[in-house]
């Protein structure tokens, strides 16, 4: 396994927690009829994409700055 820095590992942990909480919130909104399942899914995918981009940026900065 590739050794990851504590910064990147911490980002994965916080990102997972954030996306999990967002997913729970969206699920409740779907059940209560506040948002469609399709819109909730799209919103969750957008969040995951943003998180992935932030992690990739952090990895690149870490490689560059050491």
Protein backbone atom coordinates (compact mmCIF):
# COMPACT_ATOMS: atom_id res chain seq x y z
CA UNK A 1 0.00 0.00 0.00
CA UNK A 2 1.19 3.49 -0.81
CA UNK A 3 2.11 5.50 2.28
CA UNK A 4 -0.23 8.45 2.69
CA UNK A 5 0.51 11.50 4.77
CA UNK A 6 -1.46 12.34 7.88
CA UNK A 7 -2.90 15.39 6.10
CA UNK A 8 -4.30 13.33 3.24
CA UNK A 9 -5.56 10.61 5.59
CA UNK A 10 -7.30 13.24 7.71
CA UNK A 11 -8.88 14.69 4.57
CA UNK A 12 -10.26 11.26 3.64
CA UNK A 13 -11.72 10.87 7.14
CA UNK A 14 -13.35 14.30 7.16
CA UNK A 15 -14.58 13.92 3.59
CA UNK A 16 -16.17 10.55 4.36
CA UNK A 17 -17.89 11.95 7.45
CA UNK A 18 -19.15 14.96 5.52
CA UNK A 19 -20.49 12.95 2.59
CA UNK A 20 -22.09 10.39 4.91
CA UNK A 21 -23.91 13.12 6.82
CA UNK A 22 -24.98 14.78 3.57
CA UNK A 23 -26.30 11.42 2.34
CA UNK A 24 -28.32 10.95 5.52
CA UNK A 25 -29.75 14.43 5.22
CA UNK A 26 -30.67 13.90 1.58
CA UNK A 27 -32.26 10.53 2.37
CA UNK A 28 -34.47 12.15 5.00
CA UNK A 29 -35.41 14.92 2.57
CA UNK A 30 -36.36 12.30 -0.03
CA UNK A 31 -38.52 10.34 2.40
CA UNK A 32 -40.25 13.54 3.49
CA UNK A 33 -40.87 14.48 -0.14
CA UNK A 34 -38.76 17.64 -0.04
CA UNK A 35 -36.46 16.55 -2.88
CA UNK A 36 -36.67 13.88 -5.56
CA UNK A 37 -34.41 10.85 -5.37
CA UNK A 38 -32.89 11.86 -8.71
CA UNK A 39 -32.04 15.37 -7.49
CA UNK A 40 -30.64 13.97 -4.24
CA UNK A 41 -28.46 11.53 -6.15
CA UNK A 42 -27.14 14.29 -8.42
CA UNK A 43 -26.40 16.49 -5.41
CA UNK A 44 -24.54 13.67 -3.66
CA UNK A 45 -22.49 12.92 -6.79
CA UNK A 46 -21.60 16.63 -7.04
CA UNK A 47 -20.41 16.57 -3.43
CA UNK A 48 -18.34 13.44 -4.03
CA UNK A 49 -16.76 15.03 -7.10
CA UNK A 50 -15.88 18.16 -5.12
CA UNK A 51 -14.34 16.07 -2.36
CA UNK A 52 -12.34 14.03 -4.86
CA UNK A 53 -11.00 17.20 -6.48
CA UNK A 54 -10.04 18.67 -3.09
CA UNK A 55 -8.17 15.51 -2.11
CA UNK A 56 -6.34 15.38 -5.44
CA UNK A 57 -5.36 19.05 -5.04
CA UNK A 58 -4.06 18.37 -1.52
CA UNK A 59 -2.02 15.42 -2.79
CA UNK A 60 -0.46 17.53 -5.56
CA UNK A 61 0.32 20.39 -3.18
CA UNK A 62 1.86 17.99 -0.72
CA UNK A 63 4.06 16.47 -3.44
CA UNK A 64 5.10 19.93 -4.62
CA UNK A 65 5.73 21.50 -1.22
CA UNK A 66 6.81 18.32 0.53
